[in-house]
PDB file of N, CA and C in Angstrom:
ATOM      1  N   UNK A   1     181.579 146.804 155.473  1.00  0.00           N
ATOM      2  CA  UNK A   1     182.428 146.385 155.774  1.00  0.00           C
ATOM      3  C   UNK A   1     184.201 146.615 155.683  1.00  0.00           C
ATOM      4  N   UNK A   2     184.342 146.064 156.324  1.00  0.00           N
ATOM      5  CA  UNK A   2     186.111 147.567 156.821  1.00  0.00           C
ATOM      6  C   UNK A   2     187.250 147.388 155.316  1.00  0.00           C
ATOM      7  N   UNK A   3     187.728 147.945 155.233  1.00  0.00           N
ATOM      8  CA  UNK A   3     188.770 148.413 154.533  1.00  0.00           C
ATOM      9  C   UNK A   3     189.818 147.060 154.039  1.00  0.00           C
ATOM     10  N   UNK A   4     190.141 146.753 153.306  1.00  0.00           N
ATOM     11  CA  UNK A   4     191.815 145.809 153.664  1.00  0.00           C
ATOM     12  C   UNK A   4     192.789 146.175 153.948  1.00  0.00           C
ATOM     13  N   UNK A   5     192.988 148.125 153.837  1.00  0.00           N
ATOM     14  CA  UNK A   5     194.232 148.096 153.869  1.00  0.00           C
ATOM     15  C   UNK A   5     194.316 148.191 155.694  1.00  0.00           C
ATOM     16  N   UNK A   6     192.761 149.105 156.077  1.00  0.00           N
ATOM     17  CA  UNK A   6     193.169 148.926 157.557  1.00  0.00           C
ATOM     18  C   UNK A   6     192.901 148.370 158.284  1.00  0.00           C
ATOM     19  N   UNK A   7     192.479 146.832 157.528  1.00  0.00           N
ATOM     20  CA  UNK A   7     192.462 145.226 158.672  1.00  0.00           C
ATOM     21  C   UNK A   7     193.463 144.556 158.362  1.00  0.00           C
ATOM     22  N   UNK A   8     194.375 144.949 157.329  1.00  0.00           N
ATOM     23  CA  UNK A   8     195.975 144.702 157.293  1.00  0.00           C
ATOM     24  C   UNK A   8     196.962 145.049 158.111  1.00  0.00           C
ATOM     25  N   UNK A   9     196.152 146.402 159.024  1.00  0.00           N
ATOM     26  CA  UNK A   9     197.211 147.520 158.984  1.00  0.00           C
ATOM     27  C   UNK A   9     197.154 146.688 160.975  1.00  0.00           C
ATOM     28  N   UNK A  10     196.304 146.395 160.981  1.00  0.00           N
ATOM     29  CA  UNK A  10     195.974 146.645 161.989  1.00  0.00           C
ATOM     30  C   UNK A  10     197.317 145.605 162.757  1.00  0.00           C
ATOM     31  N   UNK A  11     196.884 144.525 161.860  1.00  0.00           N
ATOM     32  CA  UNK A  11     198.266 143.179 162.730  1.00  0.00           C
ATOM     33  C   UNK A  11     199.648 143.307 162.524  1.00  0.00           C
ATOM     34  N   UNK A  12     200.016 143.940 163.021  1.00  0.00           N
ATOM     35  CA  UNK A  12     201.577 144.274 162.434  1.00  0.00           C
ATOM     36  C   UNK A  12     202.483 143.303 162.848  1.00  0.00           C
ATOM     37  N   UNK A  13     203.841 143.342 162.476  1.00  0.00           N
ATOM     38  CA  UNK A  13     205.114 142.906 163.159  1.00  0.00           C
ATOM     39  C   UNK A  13     204.929 143.581 165.319  1.00  0.00           C
ATOM     40  N   UNK A  14     205.197 142.176 166.023  1.00  0.00           N
ATOM     41  CA  UNK A  14     205.834 142.920 166.633  1.00  0.00           C
ATOM     42  C   UNK A  14     206.969 143.522 167.224  1.00  0.00           C
ATOM     43  N   UNK A  15     207.745 143.453 165.667  1.00  0.00           N
ATOM     44  CA  UNK A  15     208.670 144.182 165.985  1.00  0.00           C
ATOM     45  C   UNK A  15     208.516 145.965 164.562  1.00  0.00           C
ATOM     46  N   UNK A  16     207.810 146.080 164.501  1.00  0.00           N
ATOM     47  CA  UNK A  16     207.135 147.228 163.821  1.00  0.00           C
ATOM     48  C   UNK A  16     208.354 148.065 164.016  1.00  0.00           C
ATOM     49  N   UNK A  17     208.966 148.778 163.413  1.00  0.00           N
ATOM     50  CA  UNK A  17     209.823 150.151 163.582  1.00  0.00           C
ATOM     51  C   UNK A  17     209.815 151.103 162.273  1.00  0.00           C
ATOM     52  N   UNK A  18     209.534 152.522 161.977  1.00  0.00           N
ATOM     53  CA  UNK A  18     210.148 153.498 160.876  1.00  0.00           C
ATOM     54  C   UNK A  18     210.650 154.497 161.591  1.00  0.00           C
ATOM     55  N   UNK A  19     211.055 154.917 160.745  1.00  0.00           N
ATOM     56  CA  UNK A  19     212.002 155.950 160.825  1.00  0.00           C
ATOM     57  C   UNK A  19     211.251 157.582 160.596  1.00  0.00           C
ATOM     58  N   UNK A  20     211.583 158.760 160.501  1.00  0.00           N
ATOM     59  CA  UNK A  20     210.390 160.003 160.018  1.00  0.00           C
ATOM     60  C   UNK A  20     211.423 160.352 158.875  1.00  0.00           C
ATOM     61  N   UNK A  21     211.320 160.862 158.186  1.00  0.00           N
ATOM     62  CA  UNK A  21     212.304 161.244 156.622  1.00  0.00           C
ATOM     63  C   UNK A  21     213.359 162.623 157.414  1.00  0.00           C
ATOM     64  N   UNK A  22     214.814 162.153 157.012  1.00  0.00           N
ATOM     65  CA  UNK A  22     216.121 162.531 156.595  1.00  0.00           C
ATOM     66  C   UNK A  22     215.750 164.208 157.773  1.00  0.00           C
ATOM     67  N   UNK A  23     215.243 164.878 156.371  1.00  0.00           N
ATOM     68  CA  UNK A  23     214.748 166.303 156.621  1.00  0.00           C
ATOM     69  C   UNK A  23     214.105 166.855 158.062  1.00  0.00           C
ATOM     70  N   UNK A  24     213.300 165.956 158.615  1.00  0.00           N
ATOM     71  CA  UNK A  24     212.558 166.090 159.751  1.00  0.00           C
ATOM     72  C   UNK A  24     213.760 165.986 160.307  1.00  0.00           C
ATOM     73  N   UNK A  25     214.602 164.569 160.750  1.00  0.00           N
ATOM     74  CA  UNK A  25     215.434 164.610 161.542  1.00  0.00           C
ATOM     75  C   UNK A  25     216.294 165.959 161.782  1.00  0.00           C
ATOM     76  N   UNK A  26     216.523 165.609 160.249  1.00  0.00           N
ATOM     77  CA  UNK A  26     217.502 167.618 160.886  1.00  0.00           C
ATOM     78  C   UNK A  26     216.983 168.925 161.644  1.00  0.00           C
ATOM     79  N   UNK A  27     215.993 169.159 160.729  1.00  0.00           N
ATOM     80  CA  UNK A  27     214.967 169.835 161.731  1.00  0.00           C
ATOM     81  C   UNK A  27     214.517 170.397 163.046  1.00  0.00           C
ATOM     82  N   UNK A  28     214.536 168.524 163.404  1.00  0.00           N
ATOM     83  CA  UNK A  28     214.001 169.105 165.128  1.00  0.00           C
ATOM     84  C   UNK A  28     215.417 168.959 165.936  1.00  0.00           C
ATOM     85  N   UNK A  29     216.222 167.379 165.059  1.00  0.00           N
ATOM     86  CA  UNK A  29     217.964 167.330 165.449  1.00  0.00           C
ATOM     87  C   UNK A  29     218.407 169.311 165.583  1.00  0.00           C
ATOM     88  N   UNK A  30     218.692 169.544 164.991  1.00  0.00           N
ATOM     89  CA  UNK A  30     219.327 170.894 164.485  1.00  0.00           C
ATOM     90  C   UNK A  30     218.298 172.578 165.860  1.00  0.00           C
ATOM     91  N   UNK A  31     217.138 171.571 165.613  1.00  0.00           N
ATOM     92  CA  UNK A  31     216.917 172.848 166.141  1.00  0.00           C
ATOM     93  C   UNK A  31     216.968 172.415 168.155  1.00  0.00           C
ATOM     94  N   UNK A  32     216.922 171.963 168.658  1.00  0.00           N
ATOM     95  CA  UNK A  32     217.370 170.858 170.251  1.00  0.00           C
ATOM     96  C   UNK A  32     218.562 171.665 169.992  1.00  0.00           C
ATOM     97  N   UNK A  33     219.973 171.278 169.184  1.00  0.00           N
ATOM     98  CA  UNK A  33     220.814 170.647 169.205  1.00  0.00           C
ATOM     99  C   UNK A  33     220.825 173.240 169.962  1.00  0.00           C
ATOM    100  N   UNK A  34     221.022 173.871 169.004  1.00  0.00           N
ATOM    101  CA  UNK A  34     220.870 174.876 168.504  1.00  0.00           C
ATOM    102  C   UNK A  34     220.058 175.469 169.862  1.00  0.00           C
ATOM    103  N   UNK A  35     218.778 175.257 170.905  1.00  0.00           N
ATOM    104  CA  UNK A  35     218.406 175.406 171.867  1.00  0.00           C
ATOM    105  C   UNK A  35     219.462 175.536 173.634  1.00  0.00           C
ATOM    106  N   UNK A  36     219.708 174.004 172.786  1.00  0.00           N
ATOM    107  CA  UNK A  36     220.688 174.020 173.927  1.00  0.00           C
ATOM    108  C   UNK A  36     222.144 174.268 174.153  1.00  0.00           C
ATOM    109  N   UNK A  37     223.076 174.349 172.214  1.00  0.00           N
ATOM    110  CA  UNK A  37     223.715 175.197 173.516  1.00  0.00           C
ATOM    111  C   UNK A  37     223.797 176.863 173.362  1.00  0.00           C
ATOM    112  N   UNK A  38     222.259 177.680 172.795  1.00  0.00           N
ATOM    113  CA  UNK A  38     221.911 179.192 173.031  1.00  0.00           C
ATOM    114  C   UNK A  38     222.017 179.300 174.965  1.00  0.00           C
ATOM    115  N   UNK A  39     221.227 178.355 175.260  1.00  0.00           N
ATOM    116  CA  UNK A  39     221.721 177.843 176.769  1.00  0.00           C
ATOM    117  C   UNK A  39     222.186 177.834 178.004  1.00  0.00           C
ATOM    118  N   UNK A  40     223.276 176.431 177.054  1.00  0.00           N
ATOM    119  CA  UNK A  40     224.493 176.358 178.033  1.00  0.00           C
ATOM    120  C   UNK A  40     225.250 177.109 177.850  1.00  0.00           C
ATOM    121  N   UNK A  41     225.592 176.816 175.927  1.00  0.00           N
ATOM    122  CA  UNK A  41     226.860 177.500 175.212  1.00  0.00           C
ATOM    123  C   UNK A  41     226.854 178.615 174.142  1.00  0.00           C
ATOM    124  N   UNK A  42     226.449 179.350 174.416  1.00  0.00           N
ATOM    125  CA  UNK A  42     226.120 180.925 173.537  1.00  0.00           C
ATOM    126  C   UNK A  42     226.738 180.749 172.604  1.00  0.00           C
ATOM    127  N   UNK A  43     228.329 181.028 173.608  1.00  0.00           N
ATOM    128  CA  UNK A  43     229.367 180.962 172.645  1.00  0.00           C
ATOM    129  C   UNK A  43     230.247 180.232 171.808  1.00  0.00           C
ATOM    130  N   UNK A  44     229.265 179.169 171.134  1.00  0.00           N
ATOM    131  CA  UNK A  44     229.628 177.995 170.471  1.00  0.00           C
ATOM    132  C   UNK A  44     228.839 178.169 169.212  1.00  0.00           C
ATOM    133  N   UNK A  45     227.832 178.843 169.007  1.00  0.00           N
ATOM    134  CA  UNK A  45     227.272 179.252 168.122  1.00  0.00           C
ATOM    135  C   UNK A  45     227.833 180.162 167.214  1.00  0.00           C
ATOM    136  N   UNK A  46     227.387 179.448 165.766  1.00  0.00           N
ATOM    137  CA  UNK A  46     228.054 180.455 165.611  1.00  0.00           C
ATOM    138  C   UNK A  46     227.141 181.536 164.416  1.00  0.00           C
ATOM    139  N   UNK A  47     226.910 183.030 165.459  1.00  0.00           N
ATOM    140  CA  UNK A  47     225.956 183.593 164.384  1.00  0.00           C
ATOM    141  C   UNK A  47     225.805 183.752 162.915  1.00  0.00           C
ATOM    142  N   UNK A  48     226.794 183.519 162.466  1.00  0.00           N
ATOM    143  CA  UNK A  48     226.997 184.274 161.143  1.00  0.00           C
ATOM    144  C   UNK A  48     226.591 182.907 160.565  1.00  0.00           C
ATOM    145  N   UNK A  49     226.244 181.549 161.083  1.00  0.00           N
ATOM    146  CA  UNK A  49     224.953 180.856 159.915  1.00  0.00           C
ATOM    147  C   UNK A  49     223.653 180.782 160.324  1.00  0.00           C
ATOM    148  N   UNK A  50     222.652 181.528 161.216  1.00  0.00           N
ATOM    149  CA  UNK A  50     222.023 182.141 161.884  1.00  0.00           C
ATOM    150  C   UNK A  50     220.767 182.471 160.728  1.00  0.00           C
ATOM    151  N   UNK A  51     221.499 183.121 159.783  1.00  0.00           N
ATOM    152  CA  UNK A  51     220.335 183.820 159.102  1.00  0.00           C
ATOM    153  C   UNK A  51     219.168 184.464 159.525  1.00  0.00           C
ATOM    154  N   UNK A  52     218.046 184.636 158.632  1.00  0.00           N
ATOM    155  CA  UNK A  52     217.046 184.755 159.384  1.00  0.00           C
ATOM    156  C   UNK A  52     216.858 185.071 160.888  1.00  0.00           C
ATOM    157  N   UNK A  53     217.127 183.470 161.963  1.00  0.00           N
ATOM    158  CA  UNK A  53     216.751 183.667 162.832  1.00  0.00           C
ATOM    159  C   UNK A  53     218.204 184.175 164.148  1.00  0.00           C
ATOM    160  N   UNK A  54     218.853 185.356 163.657  1.00  0.00           N
ATOM    161  CA  UNK A  54     220.435 185.988 164.231  1.00  0.00           C
ATOM    162  C   UNK A  54     218.905 187.323 165.116  1.00  0.00           C
ATOM    163  N   UNK A  55     218.846 187.698 164.453  1.00  0.00           N
ATOM    164  CA  UNK A  55     217.642 189.005 165.673  1.00  0.00           C
ATOM    165  C   UNK A  55     216.658 188.362 166.580  1.00  0.00           C
ATOM    166  N   UNK A  56     217.012 187.453 166.323  1.00  0.00           N
ATOM    167  CA  UNK A  56     215.583 185.849 168.061  1.00  0.00           C
ATOM    168  C   UNK A  56     216.575 185.849 168.976  1.00  0.00           C
ATOM    169  N   UNK A  57     217.764 185.017 168.121  1.00  0.00           N
ATOM    170  CA  UNK A  57     219.117 184.341 169.041  1.00  0.00           C
ATOM    171  C   UNK A  57     219.505 185.459 170.167  1.00  0.00           C
ATOM    172  N   UNK A  58     219.840 186.578 169.646  1.00  0.00           N
ATOM    173  CA  UNK A  58     220.223 187.622 170.112  1.00  0.00           C
ATOM    174  C   UNK A  58     219.676 188.082 171.459  1.00  0.00           C
ATOM    175  N   UNK A  59     218.247 188.433 170.624  1.00  0.00           N
ATOM    176  CA  UNK A  59     217.816 188.754 171.942  1.00  0.00           C
ATOM    177  C   UNK A  59     217.425 188.213 172.649  1.00  0.00           C
ATOM    178  N   UNK A  60     217.348 186.935 172.553  1.00  0.00           N
ATOM    179  CA  UNK A  60     216.626 186.068 173.533  1.00  0.00           C
ATOM    180  C   UNK A  60     218.634 185.361 173.557  1.00  0.00           C
ATOM    181  N   UNK A  61     219.179 185.517 173.539  1.00  0.00           N
ATOM    182  CA  UNK A  61     219.708 184.525 174.552  1.00  0.00           C
ATOM    183  C   UNK A  61     220.472 186.017 175.024  1.00  0.00           C
ATOM    184  N   UNK A  62     221.209 186.441 174.601  1.00  0.00           N
ATOM    185  CA  UNK A  62     222.235 188.183 175.829  1.00  0.00           C
ATOM    186  C   UNK A  62     220.827 189.229 176.182  1.00  0.00           C
ATOM    187  N   UNK A  63     219.652 189.595 176.163  1.00  0.00           N
ATOM    188  CA  UNK A  63     218.827 190.559 176.465  1.00  0.00           C
ATOM    189  C   UNK A  63     217.730 189.166 177.485  1.00  0.00           C
ATOM    190  N   UNK A  64     217.238 188.411 176.885  1.00  0.00           N
ATOM    191  CA  UNK A  64     216.767 187.861 178.016  1.00  0.00           C
ATOM    192  C   UNK A  64     216.993 186.476 178.086  1.00  0.00           C
ATOM    193  N   UNK A  65     218.392 185.618 178.677  1.00  0.00           N
ATOM    194  CA  UNK A  65     218.220 184.871 178.802  1.00  0.00           C
ATOM    195  C   UNK A  65     217.663 183.572 179.500  1.00  0.00           C
ATOM    196  N   UNK A  66     216.948 183.846 179.710  1.00  0.00           N
ATOM    197  CA  UNK A  66     215.307 183.347 180.930  1.00  0.00           C
ATOM    198  C   UNK A  66     214.135 182.385 180.201  1.00  0.00           C
ATOM    199  N   UNK A  67     214.421 183.753 178.849  1.00  0.00           N
ATOM    200  CA  UNK A  67     212.838 182.901 177.739  1.00  0.00           C
ATOM    201  C   UNK A  67     213.684 181.598 177.334  1.00  0.00           C
ATOM    202  N   UNK A  68     214.250 181.688 176.861  1.00  0.00           N
ATOM    203  CA  UNK A  68     215.903 180.673 176.036  1.00  0.00           C
ATOM    204  C   UNK A  68     216.024 179.740 177.102  1.00  0.00           C
ATOM    205  N   UNK A  69     216.193 179.477 178.740  1.00  0.00           N
ATOM    206  CA  UNK A  69     215.940 178.067 179.476  1.00  0.00           C
ATOM    207  C   UNK A  69     214.557 178.119 180.128  1.00  0.00           C
ATOM    208  N   UNK A  70     213.045 178.296 179.398  1.00  0.00           N
ATOM    209  CA  UNK A  70     212.227 178.149 179.491  1.00  0.00           C
ATOM    210  C   UNK A  70     211.919 177.060 178.328  1.00  0.00           C
ATOM    211  N   UNK A  71     211.826 178.216 176.951  1.00  0.00           N
ATOM    212  CA  UNK A  71     211.749 177.368 175.689  1.00  0.00           C
ATOM    213  C   UNK A  71     213.211 175.784 176.077  1.00  0.00           C
ATOM    214  N   UNK A  72     214.062 175.581 176.068  1.00  0.00           N
ATOM    215  CA  UNK A  72     214.936 174.243 176.087  1.00  0.00           C
ATOM    216  C   UNK A  72     214.057 173.465 176.915  1.00  0.00           C
ATOM    217  N   UNK A  73     213.995 173.907 178.206  1.00  0.00           N
ATOM    218  CA  UNK A  73     214.063 173.088 179.065  1.00  0.00           C
ATOM    219  C   UNK A  73     212.382 172.419 179.013  1.00  0.00           C
ATOM    220  N   UNK A  74     211.181 173.402 178.378  1.00  0.00           N
ATOM    221  CA  UNK A  74     209.926 173.292 177.987  1.00  0.00           C
ATOM    222  C   UNK A  74     210.159 171.611 176.734  1.00  0.00           C
ATOM    223  N   UNK A  75     210.575 172.264 175.657  1.00  0.00           N
ATOM    224  CA  UNK A  75     210.739 170.978 174.930  1.00  0.00           C
ATOM    225  C   UNK A  75     211.081 169.633 175.838  1.00  0.00           C
ATOM    226  N   UNK A  76     212.357 170.309 176.420  1.00  0.00           N
ATOM    227  CA  UNK A  76     212.664 169.316 176.717  1.00  0.00           C
ATOM    228  C   UNK A  76     212.526 167.640 177.081  1.00  0.00           C
ATOM    229  N   UNK A  77     211.418 168.510 177.851  1.00  0.00           N
ATOM    230  CA  UNK A  77     210.184 167.869 178.435  1.00  0.00           C
ATOM    231  C   UNK A  77     209.103 167.048 177.918  1.00  0.00           C
ATOM    232  N   UNK A  78     208.933 168.042 177.364  1.00  0.00           N
ATOM    233  CA  UNK A  78     208.127 167.580 176.562  1.00  0.00           C
ATOM    234  C   UNK A  78     208.317 166.952 175.312  1.00  0.00           C
ATOM    235  N   UNK A  79     209.789 166.142 175.251  1.00  0.00           N
ATOM    236  CA  UNK A  79     209.940 165.324 173.826  1.00  0.00           C
ATOM    237  C   UNK A  79     210.518 163.975 174.808  1.00  0.00           C
ATOM    238  N   UNK A  80     210.129 163.825 176.354  1.00  0.00           N
ATOM    239  CA  UNK A  80     210.523 163.679 177.416  1.00  0.00           C
ATOM    240  C   UNK A  80     209.024 162.873 177.735  1.00  0.00           C
ATOM    241  N   UNK A  81     207.895 163.693 177.483  1.00  0.00           N
ATOM    242  CA  UNK A  81     206.581 162.522 177.989  1.00  0.00           C
ATOM    243  C   UNK A  81     206.439 162.471 176.223  1.00  0.00           C
ATOM    244  N   UNK A  82     206.656 162.579 175.533  1.00  0.00           N
ATOM    245  CA  UNK A  82     205.986 161.937 174.157  1.00  0.00           C
ATOM    246  C   UNK A  82     206.932 160.744 174.341  1.00  0.00           C
ATOM    247  N   UNK A  83     208.302 160.585 174.046  1.00  0.00           N
ATOM    248  CA  UNK A  83     209.020 159.395 174.098  1.00  0.00           C
ATOM    249  C   UNK A  83     208.643 158.306 175.739  1.00  0.00           C
ATOM    250  N   UNK A  84     208.178 158.884 176.947  1.00  0.00           N
ATOM    251  CA  UNK A  84     207.230 157.935 178.043  1.00  0.00           C
ATOM    252  C   UNK A  84     205.224 157.440 176.741  1.00  0.00           C
ATOM    253  N   UNK A  85     204.903 158.213 176.689  1.00  0.00           N
ATOM    254  CA  UNK A  85     204.009 157.785 176.237  1.00  0.00           C
ATOM    255  C   UNK A  85     203.797 157.377 174.546  1.00  0.00           C
ATOM    256  N   UNK A  86     204.904 156.946 173.715  1.00  0.00           N
ATOM    257  CA  UNK A  86     204.983 156.391 172.560  1.00  0.00           C
ATOM    258  C   UNK A  86     205.296 154.077 172.935  1.00  0.00           C
ATOM    259  N   UNK A  87     205.993 154.409 174.663  1.00  0.00           N
ATOM    260  CA  UNK A  87     206.087 153.192 175.015  1.00  0.00           C
ATOM    261  C   UNK A  87     204.633 153.018 175.418  1.00  0.00           C
ATOM    262  N   UNK A  88     204.265 153.192 176.078  1.00  0.00           N
ATOM    263  CA  UNK A  88     202.253 152.584 176.151  1.00  0.00           C
ATOM    264  C   UNK A  88     201.724 152.900 174.580  1.00  0.00           C
ATOM    265  N   UNK A  89     202.031 153.583 173.764  1.00  0.00           N
ATOM    266  CA  UNK A  89     201.592 153.906 172.377  1.00  0.00           C
ATOM    267  C   UNK A  89     201.551 152.144 172.097  1.00  0.00           C
ATOM    268  N   UNK A  90     202.592 151.987 171.107  1.00  0.00           N
ATOM    269  CA  UNK A  90     203.434 150.737 170.343  1.00  0.00           C
ATOM    270  C   UNK A  90     202.445 149.438 171.279  1.00  0.00           C
ATOM    271  N   UNK A  91     202.548 149.342 172.825  1.00  0.00           N
ATOM    272  CA  UNK A  91     202.440 148.178 173.931  1.00  0.00           C
ATOM    273  C   UNK A  91     200.942 148.050 172.983  1.00  0.00           C
ATOM    274  N   UNK A  92     200.224 149.045 173.030  1.00  0.00           N
ATOM    275  CA  UNK A  92     198.628 149.137 173.013  1.00  0.00           C
ATOM    276  C   UNK A  92     198.560 148.625 171.008  1.00  0.00           C
ATOM    277  N   UNK A  93     199.111 148.822 170.947  1.00  0.00           N
ATOM    278  CA  UNK A  93     199.710 148.590 169.138  1.00  0.00           C
ATOM    279  C   UNK A  93     199.199 147.384 168.798  1.00  0.00           C
ATOM    280  N   UNK A  94     200.673 146.896 169.159  1.00  0.00           N
ATOM    281  CA  UNK A  94     200.419 145.224 169.576  1.00  0.00           C
ATOM    282  C   UNK A  94     202.351 145.199 168.724  1.00  0.00           C
ATOM    283  N   UNK A  95     203.109 145.783 169.199  1.00  0.00           N
ATOM    284  CA  UNK A  95     204.482 145.733 169.407  1.00  0.00           C
ATOM    285  C   UNK A  95     205.118 145.554 170.624  1.00  0.00           C
ATOM    286  N   UNK A  96     205.467 143.844 170.635  1.00  0.00           N
ATOM    287  CA  UNK A  96     205.990 143.898 172.022  1.00  0.00           C
ATOM    288  C   UNK A  96     207.110 143.792 171.769  1.00  0.00           C
ATOM    289  N   UNK A  97     207.902 143.969 170.699  1.00  0.00           N
ATOM    290  CA  UNK A  97     209.689 143.210 170.994  1.00  0.00           C
ATOM    291  C   UNK A  97     209.882 144.787 172.080  1.00  0.00           C
ATOM    292  N   UNK A  98     210.754 144.475 172.788  1.00  0.00           N
ATOM    293  CA  UNK A  98     211.850 144.706 173.484  1.00  0.00           C
ATOM    294  C   UNK A  98     212.947 146.276 172.653  1.00  0.00           C
ATOM    295  N   UNK A  99     213.648 145.637 172.314  1.00  0.00           N
ATOM    296  CA  UNK A  99     213.968 146.323 171.011  1.00  0.00           C
ATOM    297  C   UNK A  99     213.331 147.211 170.296  1.00  0.00           C
ATOM    298  N   UNK A 100     212.557 146.592 170.318  1.00  0.00           N
ATOM    299  CA  UNK A 100     212.197 147.892 168.867  1.00  0.00           C
ATOM    300  C   UNK A 100     210.538 148.612 170.041  1.00  0.00           C
ATOM    301  N   UNK A 101     210.793 148.742 171.104  1.00  0.00           N
ATOM    302  CA  UNK A 101     210.185 149.970 171.448  1.00  0.00           C
ATOM    303  C   UNK A 101     210.460 150.335 172.180  1.00  0.00           C
ATOM    304  N   UNK A 102     212.526 149.683 171.939  1.00  0.00           N
ATOM    305  CA  UNK A 102     213.272 150.783 172.808  1.00  0.00           C
ATOM    306  C   UNK A 102     213.509 151.701 171.472  1.00  0.00           C
ATOM    307  N   UNK A 103     214.102 151.789 170.558  1.00  0.00           N
ATOM    308  CA  UNK A 103     213.601 152.390 169.347  1.00  0.00           C
ATOM    309  C   UNK A 103     212.619 153.130 169.313  1.00  0.00           C
ATOM    310  N   UNK A 104     211.352 152.743 169.626  1.00  0.00           N
ATOM    311  CA  UNK A 104     210.758 154.033 169.171  1.00  0.00           C
ATOM    312  C   UNK A 104     210.394 154.735 170.445  1.00  0.00           C
ATOM    313  N   UNK A 105     210.860 154.356 171.923  1.00  0.00           N
ATOM    314  CA  UNK A 105     211.390 155.137 172.905  1.00  0.00           C
ATOM    315  C   UNK A 105     212.579 156.769 172.737  1.00  0.00           C
ATOM    316  N   UNK A 106     213.268 155.919 172.291  1.00  0.00           N
ATOM    317  CA  UNK A 106     214.541 156.956 171.851  1.00  0.00           C
ATOM    318  C   UNK A 106     214.297 157.726 170.848  1.00  0.00           C
ATOM    319  N   UNK A 107     213.780 156.887 169.475  1.00  0.00           N
ATOM    320  CA  UNK A 107     212.631 157.790 168.173  1.00  0.00           C
ATOM    321  C   UNK A 107     212.681 159.024 168.335  1.00  0.00           C
ATOM    322  N   UNK A 108     211.572 158.653 169.566  1.00  0.00           N
ATOM    323  CA  UNK A 108     210.705 160.066 170.327  1.00  0.00           C
ATOM    324  C   UNK A 108     210.979 160.448 170.825  1.00  0.00           C
ATOM    325  N   UNK A 109     211.975 160.320 171.469  1.00  0.00           N
ATOM    326  CA  UNK A 109     213.517 160.998 172.552  1.00  0.00           C
ATOM    327  C   UNK A 109     213.786 162.381 172.167  1.00  0.00           C
ATOM    328  N   UNK A 110     214.284 162.189 170.657  1.00  0.00           N
ATOM    329  CA  UNK A 110     214.676 163.168 169.920  1.00  0.00           C
ATOM    330  C   UNK A 110     214.165 163.160 168.940  1.00  0.00           C
ATOM    331  N   UNK A 111     212.797 162.889 168.233  1.00  0.00           N
ATOM    332  CA  UNK A 111     212.461 163.798 167.228  1.00  0.00           C
ATOM    333  C   UNK A 111     210.786 164.158 167.813  1.00  0.00           C
ATOM    334  N   UNK A 112     210.195 163.957 168.849  1.00  0.00           N
ATOM    335  CA  UNK A 112     208.916 163.852 169.241  1.00  0.00           C
ATOM    336  C   UNK A 112     208.360 163.934 168.462  1.00  0.00           C
ATOM    337  N   UNK A 113     207.115 164.840 168.747  1.00  0.00           N
ATOM    338  CA  UNK A 113     206.177 164.422 167.246  1.00  0.00           C
ATOM    339  C   UNK A 113     205.748 163.970 166.186  1.00  0.00           C
ATOM    340  N   UNK A 114     207.306 164.222 165.663  1.00  0.00           N
ATOM    341  CA  UNK A 114     207.356 163.773 163.799  1.00  0.00           C
ATOM    342  C   UNK A 114     207.435 161.760 164.401  1.00  0.00           C
ATOM    343  N   UNK A 115     207.748 161.265 165.301  1.00  0.00           N
ATOM    344  CA  UNK A 115     207.613 160.078 165.444  1.00  0.00           C
ATOM    345  C   UNK A 115     206.307 159.295 166.218  1.00  0.00           C
ATOM    346  N   UNK A 116     205.583 160.261 167.096  1.00  0.00           N
ATOM    347  CA  UNK A 116     203.948 159.727 167.654  1.00  0.00           C
ATOM    348  C   UNK A 116     203.618 159.694 166.179  1.00  0.00           C
ATOM    349  N   UNK A 117     203.618 160.506 165.637  1.00  0.00           N
ATOM    350  CA  UNK A 117     202.607 160.803 163.896  1.00  0.00           C
ATOM    351  C   UNK A 117     202.640 159.356 163.735  1.00  0.00           C
ATOM    352  N   UNK A 118     204.101 158.916 163.101  1.00  0.00           N
ATOM    353  CA  UNK A 118     204.039 157.014 162.829  1.00  0.00           C
ATOM    354  C   UNK A 118     203.580 156.120 163.062  1.00  0.00           C
ATOM    355  N   UNK A 119     203.927 156.530 164.755  1.00  0.00           N
ATOM    356  CA  UNK A 119     203.497 155.278 165.468  1.00  0.00           C
ATOM    357  C   UNK A 119     201.692 155.610 165.397  1.00  0.00           C
ATOM    358  N   UNK A 120     201.100 156.423 165.227  1.00  0.00           N
ATOM    359  CA  UNK A 120     199.006 156.509 165.361  1.00  0.00           C
ATOM    360  C   UNK A 120     199.411 156.802 164.226  1.00  0.00           C
ATOM    361  N   UNK A 121     199.951 156.330 162.913  1.00  0.00           N
ATOM    362  CA  UNK A 121     199.355 156.434 161.386  1.00  0.00           C
ATOM    363  C   UNK A 121     199.273 155.185 160.858  1.00  0.00           C
ATOM    364  N   UNK A 122     200.681 154.601 161.761  1.00  0.00           N
ATOM    365  CA  UNK A 122     200.640 152.954 160.965  1.00  0.00           C
ATOM    366  C   UNK A 122     200.784 152.303 162.472  1.00  0.00           C
ATOM    367  N   UNK A 123     199.727 152.307 163.604  1.00  0.00           N
ATOM    368  CA  UNK A 123     199.427 151.031 163.597  1.00  0.00           C
ATOM    369  C   UNK A 123     198.384 151.295 164.609  1.00  0.00           C
ATOM    370  N   UNK A 124     197.209 150.475 164.283  1.00  0.00           N
ATOM    371  CA  UNK A 124     196.257 150.651 164.772  1.00  0.00           C
ATOM    372  C   UNK A 124     195.969 149.567 166.394  1.00  0.00           C
ATOM    373  N   UNK A 125     195.259 150.382 167.170  1.00  0.00           N
ATOM    374  CA  UNK A 125     194.976 150.051 168.716  1.00  0.00           C
ATOM    375  C   UNK A 125     194.437 148.555 168.601  1.00  0.00           C
ATOM    376  N   UNK A 126     194.969 147.443 168.985  1.00  0.00           N
ATOM    377  CA  UNK A 126     194.737 146.264 168.901  1.00  0.00           C
ATOM    378  C   UNK A 126     192.894 146.033 170.032  1.00  0.00           C
ATOM    379  N   UNK A 127     191.824 145.086 168.977  1.00  0.00           N
ATOM    380  CA  UNK A 127     190.411 144.778 169.141  1.00  0.00           C
ATOM    381  C   UNK A 127     191.144 143.315 169.608  1.00  0.00           C
ATOM    382  N   UNK A 128     190.493 143.296 171.180  1.00  0.00           N
ATOM    383  CA  UNK A 128     189.724 141.810 171.955  1.00  0.00           C
ATOM    384  C   UNK A 128     189.026 141.349 171.230  1.00  0.00           C
TER     385      UNK A 128
END
C-alpha cells in the first residue's frame, strides 16, 4: 500500500513553485558574482573582505587568469544545462503553467542544483 504522503505529492498544482533557502541564494549568487567579477573586472573585487579566499583569489586572478575563466565559464555552462533540464523535469512532473515553468528555469539558472533538488524532492513524475 503506497504511503499517503507519496500519493498526495504526485498530484501537484500545474503552477507549483517554491524557492530555495535565502542562505543558499546568497551563497550561490555571491559565488557566481565573485567569479564573474574575478574573470572580467578583478579590480572591482574588494580583496580585503575575502578573508580565507584571498590567497586563492590572488593566485587564480593574478598568477593563473585562465583558471578563473575556466571555473567561471564551466559553472555558467553547468547552470545553463541545469536550467534547461529543469524545464523538462517540471513538465514531466505535471507543472504545465508557463509562468511557473519560466520561474523554475530562471531560478535554476541562478541557483543551479539547489533549485533542481527542490524539483526532484517535491515533485514526482506523473504516472499514466
